[in-house]
């Protein structure tokens, strides 16, 4: 199964876990990331994801960058725009 994870999923394990909600979300994120490492899931990355991570403060950015290397496929920004344009084009024709 191919999944897309938002930047906050990659970053959640590095947040302050003193709050129960954050701890639960961090554990869920780690479980998903573990499934990716075990090849039970495939992660889709994107140029947008990389841009968002680049705006994350250090040292959290370095940790997240190491995790996004788990993404087996990357969608470039141009691919996203092409797909969106194609959907709009098809809606107007049909």
Protein backbone atom coordinates (compact mmCIF):
# COMPACT_ATOMS: atom_id res chain seq x y z
CA UNK A 1 0.00 0.00 0.00
CA UNK A 2 1.31 3.43 -0.95
CA UNK A 3 0.68 6.18 1.60
CA UNK A 4 1.48 9.88 1.88
CA UNK A 5 2.46 11.27 5.26
CA UNK A 6 2.26 14.95 6.05
CA UNK A 7 5.26 16.71 7.60
CA UNK A 8 3.68 16.67 11.06
CA UNK A 9 3.61 12.84 11.04
CA UNK A 10 7.37 12.74 10.47
CA UNK A 11 7.96 15.40 13.11
CA UNK A 12 5.58 14.22 15.84
CA UNK A 13 8.03 11.75 17.46
CA UNK A 14 10.36 14.69 18.17
CA UNK A 15 7.77 16.90 19.88
CA UNK A 16 7.37 17.35 23.65
CA UNK A 17 5.69 14.14 24.76
CA UNK A 18 4.69 15.32 28.20
CA UNK A 19 1.12 15.68 26.94
CA UNK A 20 -0.87 12.47 26.51
CA UNK A 21 -2.23 13.43 23.09
CA UNK A 22 1.25 14.16 21.75
CA UNK A 23 2.57 10.89 23.17
CA UNK A 24 -0.23 8.88 21.54
CA UNK A 25 0.29 10.63 18.20
CA UNK A 26 4.07 10.10 18.44
CA UNK A 27 3.58 6.38 19.09
CA UNK A 28 1.19 6.13 16.13
CA UNK A 29 3.70 7.94 13.89
CA UNK A 30 6.49 5.62 15.00
CA UNK A 31 4.30 2.57 14.33
CA UNK A 32 3.60 3.78 10.78
CA UNK A 33 7.27 4.60 10.18
CA UNK A 34 8.22 1.15 11.48
CA UNK A 35 5.82 -0.44 8.99
CA UNK A 36 7.53 1.53 6.22
CA UNK A 37 10.96 0.37 7.39
CA UNK A 38 9.68 -3.23 7.36
CA UNK A 39 8.36 -2.74 3.79
CA UNK A 40 4.78 -3.35 4.91
CA UNK A 41 3.89 0.12 3.58
CA UNK A 42 5.43 2.29 0.87
CA UNK A 43 5.74 5.99 1.53
CA UNK A 44 5.21 8.61 -1.13
CA UNK A 45 7.33 11.75 -0.79
CA UNK A 46 6.98 15.08 -2.56
CA UNK A 47 8.77 18.29 -3.31
CA UNK A 48 6.21 20.01 -1.09
CA UNK A 49 7.16 17.72 1.81
CA UNK A 50 10.83 18.57 1.31
CA UNK A 51 10.00 22.29 1.21
CA UNK A 52 8.02 22.05 4.46
CA UNK A 53 10.82 20.12 6.16
CA UNK A 54 13.36 22.72 4.99
CA UNK A 55 11.39 25.33 6.93
CA UNK A 56 11.48 23.29 10.17
CA UNK A 57 13.86 24.63 12.83
CA UNK A 58 17.08 22.77 13.61
CA UNK A 59 17.83 20.19 15.05
CA UNK A 60 14.36 18.76 14.42
CA UNK A 61 14.86 19.36 10.68
CA UNK A 62 17.83 16.98 10.53
CA UNK A 63 15.87 14.25 12.28
CA UNK A 64 12.90 14.62 9.95
CA UNK A 65 15.13 14.70 6.87
CA UNK A 66 16.55 11.34 7.90
CA UNK A 67 13.02 9.93 8.12
CA UNK A 68 11.79 11.20 4.76
CA UNK A 69 14.54 9.15 3.13
CA UNK A 70 12.17 6.23 3.84
CA UNK A 71 9.93 7.49 1.01
CA UNK A 72 10.30 5.10 -1.91
CA UNK A 73 8.74 7.40 -4.50
CA UNK A 74 8.80 11.17 -4.96
CA UNK A 75 6.21 13.31 -6.71
CA UNK A 76 7.61 16.48 -8.14
CA UNK A 77 5.67 19.70 -7.91
CA UNK A 78 5.20 19.70 -11.65
CA UNK A 79 3.59 16.23 -11.54
CA UNK A 80 1.10 17.46 -8.95
CA UNK A 81 0.21 20.47 -11.05
CA UNK A 82 -0.12 18.35 -14.20
CA UNK A 83 -2.47 15.92 -12.46
CA UNK A 84 -4.58 18.74 -11.05
CA UNK A 85 -4.77 20.42 -14.45
CA UNK A 86 -5.79 17.11 -16.05
CA UNK A 87 -8.60 16.64 -13.51
CA UNK A 88 -9.89 20.16 -14.14
CA UNK A 89 -9.63 19.65 -17.89
CA UNK A 90 -11.60 16.39 -17.75
CA UNK A 91 -14.32 17.95 -15.59
CA UNK A 92 -14.85 20.74 -18.13
CA UNK A 93 -15.03 18.37 -21.10
CA UNK A 94 -17.29 15.65 -19.70
